[in-house]
Amino acid sequence: MSVLNAMRLVNGVRRSTLSVYFIAARAYPLSLSPAQETWFDEWVEEVRQSIRDGETTYLRDPAYNRVLSLLFP
């Protein structure tokens, strides 16, 4: 199963972990087909808009912040 397919299956409270995947995808670009790239870009925008709107669906648990600051300075 590809990383992208695994990300598509994440639901419920585990959606808060998706921002970690997005950070990793930016740091280590994925090799995507044009269709996958379109889907991924649209999904990233959906997540960003959700966070801008103050929704908690995709908000990352602050427990990850220290680790992420070390991995992705």
Protein backbone atom coordinates (compact mmCIF):
# COMPACT_ATOMS: atom_id res chain seq x y z
CA MET A 1 0.00 0.00 0.00
CA SER A 2 1.37 3.39 -0.95
CA VAL A 3 1.70 6.25 1.51
CA LEU A 4 -0.94 8.18 -0.40
CA ASN A 5 -3.43 5.31 -0.18
CA ALA A 6 -2.73 4.96 3.54
CA MET A 7 -3.38 8.68 4.00
CA ARG A 8 -6.72 8.37 2.22
CA LEU A 9 -7.86 5.76 4.74
CA VAL A 10 -7.20 7.89 7.81
CA ASN A 11 -10.41 8.96 9.51
CA GLY A 12 -11.84 10.12 12.79
CA VAL A 13 -9.50 11.42 15.48
CA ARG A 14 -6.50 10.07 13.56
CA ARG A 15 -6.96 12.87 11.02
CA SER A 16 -5.04 15.07 13.41
CA THR A 17 -1.91 13.11 12.41
CA LEU A 18 -2.25 14.00 8.73
CA SER A 19 -0.41 17.29 9.08
CA VAL A 20 2.68 15.24 9.94
CA TYR A 21 2.35 13.45 6.60
CA PHE A 22 1.91 16.75 4.78
CA ILE A 23 5.07 18.12 6.38
CA ALA A 24 6.96 14.98 5.39
CA ALA A 25 5.59 15.15 1.84
CA ARG A 26 6.90 18.69 1.53
CA ALA A 27 10.31 17.73 2.93
CA TYR A 28 10.54 14.51 0.92
CA PRO A 29 8.48 15.01 -2.24
CA LEU A 30 6.31 12.10 -3.32
CA SER A 31 6.36 10.68 -6.82
CA LEU A 32 2.74 11.11 -7.87
CA SER A 33 0.81 10.62 -11.05
CA PRO A 34 -0.95 13.74 -12.38
CA ALA A 35 -4.28 12.48 -11.01
CA GLN A 36 -2.76 11.77 -7.59
CA GLU A 37 -1.06 15.16 -7.56
CA THR A 38 -4.36 16.92 -8.31
CA TRP A 39 -6.14 14.96 -5.58
CA PHE A 40 -3.32 15.60 -3.08
CA ASP A 41 -3.19 19.35 -3.80
CA GLU A 42 -6.97 19.64 -3.39
CA TRP A 43 -6.83 17.70 -0.14
CA VAL A 44 -4.02 19.86 1.24
CA GLU A 45 -6.11 22.93 0.50
CA GLU A 46 -9.13 21.34 2.21
CA VAL A 47 -7.05 20.72 5.33
CA ARG A 48 -5.61 24.25 5.30
CA GLN A 49 -9.06 25.78 4.92
CA SER A 50 -10.44 23.63 7.72
CA ILE A 51 -7.70 24.86 10.05
CA ARG A 52 -8.18 28.50 8.93
CA ASP A 53 -11.90 28.14 9.68
CA GLY A 54 -11.10 27.10 13.23
CA GLU A 55 -12.29 23.53 12.81
CA THR A 56 -10.56 20.85 14.85
CA THR A 57 -10.86 18.00 12.32
CA TYR A 58 -7.25 18.20 11.19
CA LEU A 59 -5.62 20.06 14.08
CA ARG A 60 -2.41 18.35 15.13
CA ASP A 61 -2.02 17.26 18.73
CA PRO A 62 0.52 19.69 20.27
CA ALA A 63 2.36 16.67 21.68
CA TYR A 64 3.97 16.32 18.24
CA ASN A 65 5.32 19.88 18.12
CA ARG A 66 8.66 19.24 19.82
CA VAL A 67 9.44 16.19 17.70
CA LEU A 68 8.45 17.98 14.52
CA SER A 69 10.60 20.98 15.37
CA LEU A 70 13.56 18.61 15.66
CA LEU A 71 12.82 16.65 12.48
CA PHE A 72 11.85 19.62 10.33
CA PRO A 73 13.70 22.70 11.65
